[in-house]
Amino acid sequence: MNSDIAVDYLVTGMTCGHCERAVTEEVSRLPGVTAVEVSASSGRLSLTTDGTPLDDADVLAAVDEAGYAATRA
């Protein structure tokens, strides 16, 4: 049984690869996050966790730390 959980967010303000890397680095540091995909062109952040509960506020704070704003998709 796969316990991975995928969650999507909309991120505003990203325009380039540097933006994508900044968000990826911050979100990847959250406990339980196993994969992060970020697209500046679509403004989307998709993350996968190992099943560890992850609070949206923690993800939003990580995106904010990278210099952007996010909402759950």
PDB file of N, CA and C in Angstrom:
ATOM      1  N   MET A   1       0.830  -1.175   0.000  1.00  0.00           N
ATOM      2  CA  MET A   1       0.000   0.000   0.000  1.00  0.00           C
ATOM      3  C   MET A   1       0.880   1.246   0.000  1.00  0.00           C
ATOM      4  N   ASN A   2       0.589   2.191  -0.888  1.00  0.00           N
ATOM      5  CA  ASN A   2       1.356   3.419  -1.020  1.00  0.00           C
ATOM      6  C   ASN A   2       0.754   4.486  -0.114  1.00  0.00           C
ATOM      7  N   SER A   3       1.550   5.055   0.768  1.00  0.00           N
ATOM      8  CA  SER A   3       1.041   6.074   1.681  1.00  0.00           C
ATOM      9  C   SER A   3       1.453   7.481   1.261  1.00  0.00           C
ATOM     10  N   ASP A   4       2.042   7.609   0.062  1.00  0.00           N
ATOM     11  CA  ASP A   4       2.429   8.932  -0.419  1.00  0.00           C
ATOM     12  C   ASP A   4       1.196   9.807  -0.576  1.00  0.00           C
ATOM     13  N   ILE A   5       1.371  11.088  -0.292  1.00  0.00           N
ATOM     14  CA  ILE A   5       0.295  12.061  -0.427  1.00  0.00           C
ATOM     15  C   ILE A   5       0.788  13.175  -1.336  1.00  0.00           C
ATOM     16  N   ALA A   6       0.030  13.487  -2.390  1.00  0.00           N
ATOM     17  CA  ALA A   6       0.380  14.569  -3.313  1.00  0.00           C
ATOM     18  C   ALA A   6      -0.537  15.762  -3.045  1.00  0.00           C
ATOM     19  N   VAL A   7       0.059  16.956  -3.032  1.00  0.00           N
ATOM     20  CA  VAL A   7      -0.689  18.181  -2.765  1.00  0.00           C
ATOM     21  C   VAL A   7      -0.216  19.250  -3.734  1.00  0.00           C
ATOM     22  N   ASP A   8      -1.156  20.057  -4.242  1.00  0.00           N
ATOM     23  CA  ASP A   8      -0.830  21.116  -5.194  1.00  0.00           C
ATOM     24  C   ASP A   8      -1.143  22.491  -4.616  1.00  0.00           C
ATOM     25  N   TYR A   9      -0.310  23.455  -5.003  1.00  0.00           N
ATOM     26  CA  TYR A   9      -0.475  24.847  -4.583  1.00  0.00           C
ATOM     27  C   TYR A   9      -0.294  25.754  -5.788  1.00  0.00           C
ATOM     28  N   LEU A  10      -0.889  26.936  -5.716  1.00  0.00           N
ATOM     29  CA  LEU A  10      -0.677  27.979  -6.708  1.00  0.00           C
ATOM     30  C   LEU A  10       0.280  28.987  -6.096  1.00  0.00           C
ATOM     31  N   VAL A  11       1.324  29.333  -6.824  1.00  0.00           N
ATOM     32  CA  VAL A  11       2.341  30.257  -6.327  1.00  0.00           C
ATOM     33  C   VAL A  11       2.354  31.495  -7.218  1.00  0.00           C
ATOM     34  N   THR A  12       2.318  32.671  -6.616  1.00  0.00           N
ATOM     35  CA  THR A  12       2.342  33.914  -7.379  1.00  0.00           C
ATOM     36  C   THR A  12       3.709  34.577  -7.283  1.00  0.00           C
ATOM     37  N   GLY A  13       4.098  35.223  -8.364  1.00  0.00           N
ATOM     38  CA  GLY A  13       5.326  35.997  -8.376  1.00  0.00           C
ATOM     39  C   GLY A  13       6.522  35.323  -9.009  1.00  0.00           C
ATOM     40  N   MET A  14       6.432  34.041  -9.331  1.00  0.00           N
ATOM     41  CA  MET A  14       7.566  33.350  -9.935  1.00  0.00           C
ATOM     42  C   MET A  14       7.652  33.694 -11.416  1.00  0.00           C
ATOM     43  N   THR A  15       8.891  33.920 -11.896  1.00  0.00           N
ATOM     44  CA  THR A  15       9.067  34.281 -13.305  1.00  0.00           C
ATOM     45  C   THR A  15      10.165  33.492 -14.013  1.00  0.00           C
ATOM     46  N   CYS A  16      10.971  32.726 -13.267  1.00  0.00           N
ATOM     47  CA  CYS A  16      12.141  32.103 -13.902  1.00  0.00           C
ATOM     48  C   CYS A  16      12.606  30.865 -13.141  1.00  0.00           C
ATOM     49  N   GLY A  17      13.658  30.269 -13.664  1.00  0.00           N
ATOM     50  CA  GLY A  17      14.243  29.091 -13.037  1.00  0.00           C
ATOM     51  C   GLY A  17      14.778  29.358 -11.642  1.00  0.00           C
ATOM     52  N   HIS A  18      15.319  30.549 -11.414  1.00  0.00           N
ATOM     53  CA  HIS A  18      15.809  30.890 -10.074  1.00  0.00           C
ATOM     54  C   HIS A  18      14.649  30.857  -9.081  1.00  0.00           C
ATOM     55  N   CYS A  19      13.499  31.376  -9.487  1.00  0.00           N
ATOM     56  CA  CYS A  19      12.314  31.360  -8.634  1.00  0.00           C
ATOM     57  C   CYS A  19      11.933  29.917  -8.294  1.00  0.00           C
ATOM     58  N   GLU A  20      11.925  29.066  -9.318  1.00  0.00           N
ATOM     59  CA  GLU A  20      11.585  27.664  -9.116  1.00  0.00           C
ATOM     60  C   GLU A  20      12.540  27.007  -8.129  1.00  0.00           C
ATOM     61  N   ARG A  21      13.827  27.258  -8.278  1.00  0.00           N
ATOM     62  CA  ARG A  21      14.830  26.662  -7.380  1.00  0.00           C
ATOM     63  C   ARG A  21      14.655  27.153  -5.950  1.00  0.00           C
ATOM     64  N   ALA A  22      14.378  28.446  -5.776  1.00  0.00           N
ATOM     65  CA  ALA A  22      14.217  29.003  -4.430  1.00  0.00           C
ATOM     66  C   ALA A  22      13.045  28.334  -3.708  1.00  0.00           C
ATOM     67  N   VAL A  23      11.921  28.184  -4.401  1.00  0.00           N
ATOM     68  CA  VAL A  23      10.750  27.550  -3.798  1.00  0.00           C
ATOM     69  C   VAL A  23      11.035  26.069  -3.540  1.00  0.00           C
ATOM     70  N   THR A  24      11.637  25.400  -4.495  1.00  0.00           N
ATOM     71  CA  THR A  24      11.956  23.979  -4.344  1.00  0.00           C
ATOM     72  C   THR A  24      12.847  23.746  -3.128  1.00  0.00           C
ATOM     73  N   GLU A  25      13.877  24.558  -2.975  1.00  0.00           N
ATOM     74  CA  GLU A  25      14.804  24.386  -1.851  1.00  0.00           C
ATOM     75  C   GLU A  25      14.102  24.551  -0.512  1.00  0.00           C
ATOM     76  N   GLU A  26      13.266  25.576  -0.384  1.00  0.00           N
ATOM     77  CA  GLU A  26      12.587  25.812   0.898  1.00  0.00           C
ATOM     78  C   GLU A  26      11.580  24.713   1.215  1.00  0.00           C
ATOM     79  N   VAL A  27      10.764  24.335   0.241  1.00  0.00           N
ATOM     80  CA  VAL A  27       9.730  23.325   0.480  1.00  0.00           C
ATOM     81  C   VAL A  27      10.359  21.948   0.721  1.00  0.00           C
ATOM     82  N   SER A  28      11.458  21.658   0.052  1.00  0.00           N
ATOM     83  CA  SER A  28      12.135  20.368   0.226  1.00  0.00           C
ATOM     84  C   SER A  28      12.634  20.152   1.643  1.00  0.00           C
ATOM     85  N   ARG A  29      12.838  21.219   2.379  1.00  0.00           N
ATOM     86  CA  ARG A  29      13.336  21.123   3.755  1.00  0.00           C
ATOM     87  C   ARG A  29      12.276  20.682   4.751  1.00  0.00           C
ATOM     88  N   LEU A  30      11.016  20.713   4.351  1.00  0.00           N
ATOM     89  CA  LEU A  30       9.937  20.356   5.279  1.00  0.00           C
ATOM     90  C   LEU A  30       9.974  18.851   5.570  1.00  0.00           C
ATOM     91  N   PRO A  31       9.747  18.474   6.824  1.00  0.00           N
ATOM     92  CA  PRO A  31       9.768  17.054   7.194  1.00  0.00           C
ATOM     93  C   PRO A  31       8.722  16.259   6.418  1.00  0.00           C
ATOM     94  N   GLY A  32       9.142  15.133   5.867  1.00  0.00           N
ATOM     95  CA  GLY A  32       8.231  14.244   5.174  1.00  0.00           C
ATOM     96  C   GLY A  32       8.089  14.495   3.688  1.00  0.00           C
ATOM     97  N   VAL A  33       8.598  15.630   3.195  1.00  0.00           N
ATOM     98  CA  VAL A  33       8.482  15.924   1.768  1.00  0.00           C
ATOM     99  C   VAL A  33       9.486  15.059   1.008  1.00  0.00           C
ATOM    100  N   THR A  34       8.987  14.308   0.032  1.00  0.00           N
ATOM    101  CA  THR A  34       9.845  13.397  -0.727  1.00  0.00           C
ATOM    102  C   THR A  34      10.077  13.868  -2.157  1.00  0.00           C
ATOM    103  N   ALA A  35       9.211  14.725  -2.681  1.00  0.00           N
ATOM    104  CA  ALA A  35       9.372  15.232  -4.046  1.00  0.00           C
ATOM    105  C   ALA A  35       8.706  16.597  -4.166  1.00  0.00           C
ATOM    106  N   VAL A  36       9.328  17.470  -4.960  1.00  0.00           N
ATOM    107  CA  VAL A  36       8.785  18.810  -5.198  1.00  0.00           C
ATOM    108  C   VAL A  36       8.946  19.124  -6.673  1.00  0.00           C
ATOM    109  N   GLU A  37       7.871  19.585  -7.290  1.00  0.00           N
ATOM    110  CA  GLU A  37       7.911  20.058  -8.673  1.00  0.00           C
ATOM    111  C   GLU A  37       7.337  21.459  -8.688  1.00  0.00           C
ATOM    112  N   VAL A  38       8.088  22.396  -9.274  1.00  0.00           N
ATOM    113  CA  VAL A  38       7.669  23.787  -9.325  1.00  0.00           C
ATOM    114  C   VAL A  38       7.768  24.278 -10.763  1.00  0.00           C
ATOM    115  N   SER A  39       6.737  24.987 -11.212  1.00  0.00           N
ATOM    116  CA  SER A  39       6.736  25.543 -12.559  1.00  0.00           C
ATOM    117  C   SER A  39       6.396  27.028 -12.496  1.00  0.00           C
ATOM    118  N   ALA A  40       7.362  27.870 -12.893  1.00  0.00           N
ATOM    119  CA  ALA A  40       7.112  29.306 -12.930  1.00  0.00           C
ATOM    120  C   ALA A  40       6.086  29.642 -14.001  1.00  0.00           C
ATOM    121  N   SER A  41       6.120  28.932 -15.122  1.00  0.00           N
ATOM    122  CA  SER A  41       5.212  29.247 -16.225  1.00  0.00           C
ATOM    123  C   SER A  41       3.753  28.979 -15.868  1.00  0.00           C
ATOM    124  N   SER A  42       3.492  27.939 -15.088  1.00  0.00           N
ATOM    125  CA  SER A  42       2.113  27.641 -14.700  1.00  0.00           C
ATOM    126  C   SER A  42       1.770  28.171 -13.311  1.00  0.00           C
ATOM    127  N   GLY A  43       2.810  28.568 -12.555  1.00  0.00           N
ATOM    128  CA  GLY A  43       2.582  29.059 -11.202  1.00  0.00           C
ATOM    129  C   GLY A  43       2.130  27.966 -10.251  1.00  0.00           C
ATOM    130  N   ARG A  44       2.571  26.751 -10.500  1.00  0.00           N
ATOM    131  CA  ARG A  44       2.141  25.626  -9.665  1.00  0.00           C
ATOM    132  C   ARG A  44       3.302  24.995  -8.899  1.00  0.00           C
ATOM    133  N   LEU A  45       2.971  24.544  -7.728  1.00  0.00           N
ATOM    134  CA  LEU A  45       3.878  23.786  -6.864  1.00  0.00           C
ATOM    135  C   LEU A  45       3.167  22.484  -6.548  1.00  0.00           C
ATOM    136  N   SER A  46       3.790  21.378  -6.846  1.00  0.00           N
ATOM    137  CA  SER A  46       3.261  20.064  -6.501  1.00  0.00           C
ATOM    138  C   SER A  46       4.280  19.397  -5.596  1.00  0.00           C
ATOM    139  N   LEU A  47       3.798  18.873  -4.492  1.00  0.00           N
ATOM    140  CA  LEU A  47       4.712  18.170  -3.595  1.00  0.00           C
ATOM    141  C   LEU A  47       4.128  16.835  -3.206  1.00  0.00           C
ATOM    142  N   THR A  48       5.007  15.932  -2.860  1.00  0.00           N
ATOM    143  CA  THR A  48       4.619  14.608  -2.399  1.00  0.00           C
ATOM    144  C   THR A  48       5.268  14.384  -1.044  1.00  0.00           C
ATOM    145  N   THR A  49       4.499  13.830  -0.131  1.00  0.00           N
ATOM    146  CA  THR A  49       5.045  13.492   1.180  1.00  0.00           C
ATOM    147  C   THR A  49       5.039  11.976   1.347  1.00  0.00           C
ATOM    148  N   ASP A  50       5.763  11.533   2.339  1.00  0.00           N
ATOM    149  CA  ASP A  50       5.840  10.096   2.635  1.00  0.00           C
ATOM    150  C   ASP A  50       4.674   9.633   3.504  1.00  0.00           C
ATOM    151  N   GLY A  51       3.655  10.464   3.608  1.00  0.00           N
ATOM    152  CA  GLY A  51       2.507  10.144   4.451  1.00  0.00           C
ATOM    153  C   GLY A  51       2.525  10.904   5.756  1.00  0.00           C
ATOM    154  N   THR A  52       3.663  11.545   6.057  1.00  0.00           N
ATOM    155  CA  THR A  52       3.766  12.374   7.251  1.00  0.00           C
ATOM    156  C   THR A  52       2.783  13.531   7.133  1.00  0.00           C
ATOM    157  N   PRO A  53       1.979  13.791   8.161  1.00  0.00           N
ATOM    158  CA  PRO A  53       1.060  14.921   8.101  1.00  0.00           C
ATOM    159  C   PRO A  53       1.834  16.228   7.879  1.00  0.00           C
ATOM    160  N   LEU A  54       1.344  17.034   6.947  1.00  0.00           N
ATOM    161  CA  LEU A  54       1.995  18.288   6.609  1.00  0.00           C
ATOM    162  C   LEU A  54       0.946  19.380   6.638  1.00  0.00           C
ATOM    163  N   ASP A  55       1.167  20.382   7.466  1.00  0.00           N
ATOM    164  CA  ASP A  55       0.225  21.481   7.611  1.00  0.00           C
ATOM    165  C   ASP A  55       0.412  22.464   6.457  1.00  0.00           C
ATOM    166  N   ASP A  56      -0.701  22.898   5.851  1.00  0.00           N
ATOM    167  CA  ASP A  56      -0.622  23.890   4.779  1.00  0.00           C
ATOM    168  C   ASP A  56       0.144  25.135   5.222  1.00  0.00           C
ATOM    169  N   ALA A  57      -0.018  25.531   6.475  1.00  0.00           N
ATOM    170  CA  ALA A  57       0.659  26.728   6.978  1.00  0.00           C
ATOM    171  C   ALA A  57       2.175  26.582   6.872  1.00  0.00           C
ATOM    172  N   ASP A  58       2.692  25.380   7.067  1.00  0.00           N
ATOM    173  CA  ASP A  58       4.133  25.159   6.954  1.00  0.00           C
ATOM    174  C   ASP A  58       4.601  25.316   5.508  1.00  0.00           C
ATOM    175  N   VAL A  59       3.798  24.811   4.570  1.00  0.00           N
ATOM    176  CA  VAL A  59       4.142  24.947   3.153  1.00  0.00           C
ATOM    177  C   VAL A  59       4.085  26.416   2.753  1.00  0.00           C
ATOM    178  N   LEU A  60       3.037  27.106   3.153  1.00  0.00           N
ATOM    179  CA  LEU A  60       2.890  28.515   2.806  1.00  0.00           C
ATOM    180  C   LEU A  60       4.022  29.347   3.407  1.00  0.00           C
ATOM    181  N   ALA A  61       4.445  29.003   4.624  1.00  0.00           N
ATOM    182  CA  ALA A  61       5.562  29.707   5.256  1.00  0.00           C
ATOM    183  C   ALA A  61       6.867  29.457   4.506  1.00  0.00           C
ATOM    184  N   ALA A  62       7.066  28.239   4.021  1.00  0.00           N
ATOM    185  CA  ALA A  62       8.279  27.911   3.255  1.00  0.00           C
ATOM    186  C   ALA A  62       8.300  28.693   1.943  1.00  0.00           C
ATOM    187  N   VAL A  63       7.163  28.768   1.275  1.00  0.00           N
ATOM    188  CA  VAL A  63       7.079  29.531   0.027  1.00  0.00           C
ATOM    189  C   VAL A  63       7.324  31.007   0.313  1.00  0.00           C
ATOM    190  N   ASP A  64       6.767  31.504   1.413  1.00  0.00           N
ATOM    191  CA  ASP A  64       6.978  32.893   1.810  1.00  0.00           C
ATOM    192  C   ASP A  64       8.452  33.152   2.091  1.00  0.00           C
ATOM    193  N   GLU A  65       9.119  32.216   2.732  1.00  0.00           N
ATOM    194  CA  GLU A  65      10.552  32.336   3.014  1.00  0.00           C
ATOM    195  C   GLU A  65      11.352  32.460   1.729  1.00  0.00           C
ATOM    196  N   ALA A  66      10.880  31.813   0.660  1.00  0.00           N
ATOM    197  CA  ALA A  66      11.538  31.899  -0.644  1.00  0.00           C
ATOM    198  C   ALA A  66      11.235  33.224  -1.358  1.00  0.00           C
ATOM    199  N   GLY A  67      10.256  33.966  -0.822  1.00  0.00           N
ATOM    200  CA  GLY A  67       9.939  35.282  -1.381  1.00  0.00           C
ATOM    201  C   GLY A  67       8.682  35.336  -2.233  1.00  0.00           C
ATOM    202  N   TYR A  68       7.823  34.326  -2.098  1.00  0.00           N
ATOM    203  CA  TYR A  68       6.621  34.252  -2.933  1.00  0.00           C
ATOM    204  C   TYR A  68       5.402  33.968  -2.058  1.00  0.00           C
ATOM    205  N   ALA A  69       4.229  34.031  -2.659  1.00  0.00           N
ATOM    206  CA  ALA A  69       2.990  33.738  -1.955  1.00  0.00           C
ATOM    207  C   ALA A  69       2.331  32.536  -2.594  1.00  0.00           C
ATOM    208  N   ALA A  70       1.620  31.752  -1.773  1.00  0.00           N
ATOM    209  CA  ALA A  70       0.973  30.551  -2.290  1.00  0.00           C
ATOM    210  C   ALA A  70      -0.377  30.351  -1.651  1.00  0.00           C
ATOM    211  N   THR A  71      -1.238  29.617  -2.356  1.00  0.00           N
ATOM    212  CA  THR A  71      -2.517  29.162  -1.844  1.00  0.00           C
ATOM    213  C   THR A  71      -2.680  27.709  -2.285  1.00  0.00           C
ATOM    214  N   ARG A  72      -3.452  26.971  -1.522  1.00  0.00           N
ATOM    215  CA  ARG A  72      -3.711  25.577  -1.893  1.00  0.00           C
ATOM    216  C   ARG A  72      -4.554  25.547  -3.148  1.00  0.00           C
ATOM    217  N   ALA A  73      -4.201  24.703  -4.087  1.00  0.00           N
ATOM    218  CA  ALA A  73      -4.947  24.609  -5.355  1.00  0.00           C
ATOM    219  C   ALA A  73      -6.183  23.758  -5.185  1.00  0.00           C
TER     220      ALA A  73
END
